[in-house]
């Protein structure tokens, strides 16, 4: 009961925190779903399976560098621009992957990896700022839960789009959806003028 009470007081009664959790879920789901489309995309682009391991290792390197310097980047950009950057780069990556297909087009996915590293640190920091220290662990658990729920709901829909259309068409459609939903959820933060 005390857990539900703390969730109610910290999440349900804090409008900005709710928006952050939903926005995070959109970005995290979009990145995680893209991960399962990488191999079909590599195959389509003509990248030999021999190089998959090297390419995936480079993805992790980009993500790690992005996470390491995320605070420095965020300090220069500010909260508003950082949040805008997340949905714009994520949607742009999807659209670019759907539009540009050649053997080295895997470099487009570096943008996803940058967003993944940057968002994991920055959004968690924003959530910390909106949360009292006594309930931070609970709120981060709620964040993880919401992220997984969104992923579970969206992944089959994206899979259906890939089956219904070609992979490039599905990637472009997903990019447009991420752009629209990201814009809707980032608006409350822009109104705060942070």
Protein backbone atom coordinates (compact mmCIF):
# COMPACT_ATOMS: atom_id res chain seq x y z
CA UNK A 1 0.00 0.00 0.00
CA UNK A 2 2.84 2.41 0.87
CA UNK A 3 4.37 1.73 -2.57
CA UNK A 4 1.13 2.68 -4.34
CA UNK A 5 0.86 5.75 -2.14
CA UNK A 6 4.37 6.90 -3.06
CA UNK A 7 3.67 6.30 -6.77
CA UNK A 8 0.49 8.35 -6.51
CA UNK A 9 2.16 11.24 -4.72
CA UNK A 10 5.32 11.30 -6.85
CA UNK A 11 4.09 10.32 -10.33
CA UNK A 12 0.34 10.77 -10.66
CA UNK A 13 0.29 14.19 -9.01
CA UNK A 14 3.31 15.57 -10.87
CA UNK A 15 2.29 16.49 -14.41
CA UNK A 16 5.82 17.23 -15.63
CA UNK A 17 7.11 13.92 -14.28
CA UNK A 18 4.29 12.04 -16.02
CA UNK A 19 5.16 13.75 -19.30
CA UNK A 20 8.85 12.90 -18.82
CA UNK A 21 8.01 9.23 -18.21
CA UNK A 22 5.83 9.07 -21.33
CA UNK A 23 8.37 10.95 -23.44
CA UNK A 24 11.12 8.63 -22.22
CA UNK A 25 8.98 5.61 -23.10
CA UNK A 26 8.52 6.87 -26.67
CA UNK A 27 12.25 7.45 -27.20
CA UNK A 28 13.37 4.23 -25.48
CA UNK A 29 10.78 2.13 -27.37
CA UNK A 30 11.72 3.68 -30.71
CA UNK A 31 15.42 2.93 -30.13
CA UNK A 32 14.83 -0.61 -28.85
CA UNK A 33 12.50 -1.47 -31.74
CA UNK A 34 15.07 -0.14 -34.22
CA UNK A 35 17.60 -2.58 -32.73
CA UNK A 36 15.58 -5.54 -34.05
CA UNK A 37 15.48 -3.99 -37.51
CA UNK A 38 19.26 -3.55 -37.81
CA UNK A 39 20.01 -7.04 -39.17
CA UNK A 40 17.29 -6.98 -41.87
CA UNK A 41 18.55 -3.50 -42.75
CA UNK A 42 22.16 -4.73 -43.00
CA UNK A 43 21.02 -7.55 -45.25
CA UNK A 44 19.12 -5.11 -47.44
CA UNK A 45 22.12 -2.79 -47.65
CA UNK A 46 24.42 -5.64 -48.71
CA UNK A 47 26.63 -5.67 -45.62
CA UNK A 48 28.30 -9.07 -45.26
CA UNK A 49 27.40 -10.97 -42.06
CA UNK A 50 31.15 -11.25 -41.32
CA UNK A 51 31.19 -7.55 -40.39
CA UNK A 52 28.09 -7.57 -38.14
CA UNK A 53 30.16 -8.06 -34.96
CA UNK A 54 32.49 -5.16 -35.78
CA UNK A 55 29.56 -2.91 -36.63
CA UNK A 56 27.69 -3.76 -33.40
CA UNK A 57 30.88 -3.16 -31.39
CA UNK A 58 31.18 0.29 -32.98
CA UNK A 59 27.54 0.97 -32.00
CA UNK A 60 28.34 0.25 -28.35
CA UNK A 61 31.40 2.50 -28.53
CA UNK A 62 29.32 5.41 -29.86
CA UNK A 63 26.69 4.83 -27.16
CA UNK A 64 29.33 4.78 -24.41
CA UNK A 65 30.99 7.99 -25.65
CA UNK A 66 27.59 9.67 -25.92
CA UNK A 67 26.68 8.68 -22.35
CA UNK A 68 30.06 9.84 -21.03
CA UNK A 69 29.76 13.33 -22.52
CA UNK A 70 25.98 13.69 -22.21
CA UNK A 71 26.15 16.12 -19.26
CA UNK A 72 28.62 18.37 -21.08
CA UNK A 73 26.42 18.38 -24.18
CA UNK A 74 23.26 18.97 -22.13
CA UNK A 75 24.88 21.88 -20.26
CA UNK A 76 25.55 23.59 -23.59
CA UNK A 77 22.15 22.81 -25.12
CA UNK A 78 19.86 23.21 -22.10
CA UNK A 79 16.86 21.03 -21.25
CA UNK A 80 14.51 22.21 -24.01
CA UNK A 81 16.96 21.75 -26.86
CA UNK A 82 18.16 18.42 -25.44
CA UNK A 83 14.61 17.05 -25.33
CA UNK A 84 13.86 18.37 -28.83
CA UNK A 85 17.07 16.82 -30.13
CA UNK A 86 16.07 13.36 -28.87
CA UNK A 87 12.87 13.01 -30.89
CA UNK A 88 14.20 14.84 -33.94
CA UNK A 89 17.34 12.69 -34.19
CA UNK A 90 15.38 9.48 -33.54
CA UNK A 91 12.77 10.23 -36.20
CA UNK A 92 15.45 11.52 -38.59
CA UNK A 93 17.41 8.26 -38.18
CA UNK A 94 14.38 6.15 -39.07
CA UNK A 95 13.57 8.28 -42.11
CA UNK A 96 17.21 8.33 -43.24
CA UNK A 97 17.48 4.53 -42.87
CA UNK A 98 14.38 4.15 -45.01
CA UNK A 99 15.66 6.57 -47.64
CA UNK A 100 19.38 5.76 -47.88
CA UNK A 101 20.39 2.14 -48.43
CA UNK A 102 23.94 1.21 -49.42
CA UNK A 103 26.71 -0.93 -47.96
CA UNK A 104 27.95 1.76 -45.54
CA UNK A 105 24.54 3.06 -44.53
CA UNK A 106 24.98 1.38 -41.15
CA UNK A 107 26.72 4.64 -40.14
CA UNK A 108 23.22 6.19 -39.95
CA UNK A 109 22.61 3.96 -36.92
CA UNK A 110 25.38 5.86 -35.10
CA UNK A 111 22.73 8.56 -34.62
CA UNK A 112 20.49 6.05 -32.82
CA UNK A 113 23.41 5.06 -30.60
CA UNK A 114 24.15 8.69 -29.77
CA UNK A 115 20.50 9.23 -28.80
CA UNK A 116 20.48 6.02 -26.76
CA UNK A 117 23.51 7.02 -24.69
CA UNK A 118 22.47 10.67 -24.38
CA UNK A 119 18.83 10.03 -23.48
CA UNK A 120 19.54 7.38 -20.83
CA UNK A 121 21.63 9.82 -18.81
CA UNK A 122 19.81 13.08 -19.51
CA UNK A 123 16.21 11.90 -19.03
CA UNK A 124 17.14 10.08 -15.81
CA UNK A 125 18.71 13.32 -14.58
CA UNK A 126 15.55 15.30 -15.40
CA UNK A 127 13.46 12.70 -13.59
CA UNK A 128 15.75 12.98 -10.55
CA UNK A 129 15.25 16.75 -10.50
CA UNK A 130 11.46 16.31 -10.50
CA UNK A 131 11.51 13.63 -7.79
CA UNK A 132 12.07 13.73 -4.05
CA UNK A 133 15.09 11.70 -2.94
CA UNK A 134 13.00 9.27 -0.88
CA UNK A 135 11.02 7.99 -3.87
CA UNK A 136 13.61 8.16 -6.67
CA UNK A 137 14.16 4.40 -6.78
CA UNK A 138 10.40 3.86 -7.01
CA UNK A 139 10.03 6.44 -9.78
CA UNK A 140 12.91 4.90 -11.77
CA UNK A 141 11.19 1.51 -11.41
CA UNK A 142 7.99 3.09 -12.74
CA UNK A 143 10.01 4.56 -15.63
CA UNK A 144 11.40 1.13 -16.49
CA UNK A 145 7.91 -0.39 -16.27
CA UNK A 146 6.38 2.29 -18.53
CA UNK A 147 9.26 1.91 -21.02
CA UNK A 148 8.65 -1.86 -21.22
CA UNK A 149 4.86 -1.46 -21.54
CA UNK A 150 5.29 0.97 -24.46
CA UNK A 151 7.81 -1.36 -26.08
CA UNK A 152 5.49 -4.37 -25.69
CA UNK A 153 2.62 -2.42 -27.24
CA UNK A 154 4.56 -0.81 -30.08
CA UNK A 155 6.88 -3.63 -31.19
CA UNK A 156 4.10 -5.82 -32.70
CA UNK A 157 2.66 -2.78 -34.53
CA UNK A 158 6.07 -1.96 -36.04
CA UNK A 159 6.52 -5.63 -36.96
CA UNK A 160 3.11 -5.57 -38.65
CA UNK A 161 4.14 -2.44 -40.61
CA UNK A 162 7.33 -4.17 -41.78
CA UNK A 163 5.24 -7.18 -42.94
CA UNK A 164 2.61 -4.98 -44.57
CA UNK A 165 5.04 -2.69 -46.40
CA UNK A 166 8.70 -2.95 -47.36
CA UNK A 167 11.32 -2.37 -44.67
CA UNK A 168 12.30 1.08 -46.06
CA UNK A 169 8.64 2.17 -46.19
CA UNK A 170 8.03 0.95 -42.63
CA UNK A 171 11.13 2.79 -41.39
CA UNK A 172 9.91 6.06 -42.91
CA UNK A 173 6.40 5.59 -41.43
CA UNK A 174 7.85 4.91 -37.97
CA UNK A 175 10.08 7.99 -38.32
CA UNK A 176 7.04 10.16 -39.03
CA UNK A 177 5.12 8.64 -36.09
CA UNK A 178 8.06 9.26 -33.72
CA UNK A 179 8.34 12.84 -34.94
CA UNK A 180 4.64 13.60 -34.38
CA UNK A 181 4.36 11.90 -30.97
CA UNK A 182 7.71 13.31 -29.83
CA UNK A 183 6.62 16.83 -30.78
CA UNK A 184 3.33 16.44 -28.87
CA UNK A 185 5.05 15.24 -25.71
CA UNK A 186 7.89 17.77 -25.79
CA UNK A 187 5.52 20.78 -26.00
CA UNK A 188 4.84 21.01 -22.22
CA UNK A 189 8.58 21.39 -21.59
CA UNK A 190 8.90 24.17 -24.17
CA UNK A 191 6.08 26.05 -22.44
CA UNK A 192 8.11 25.96 -19.22
CA UNK A 193 10.87 27.84 -21.08
CA UNK A 194 13.72 25.99 -19.37
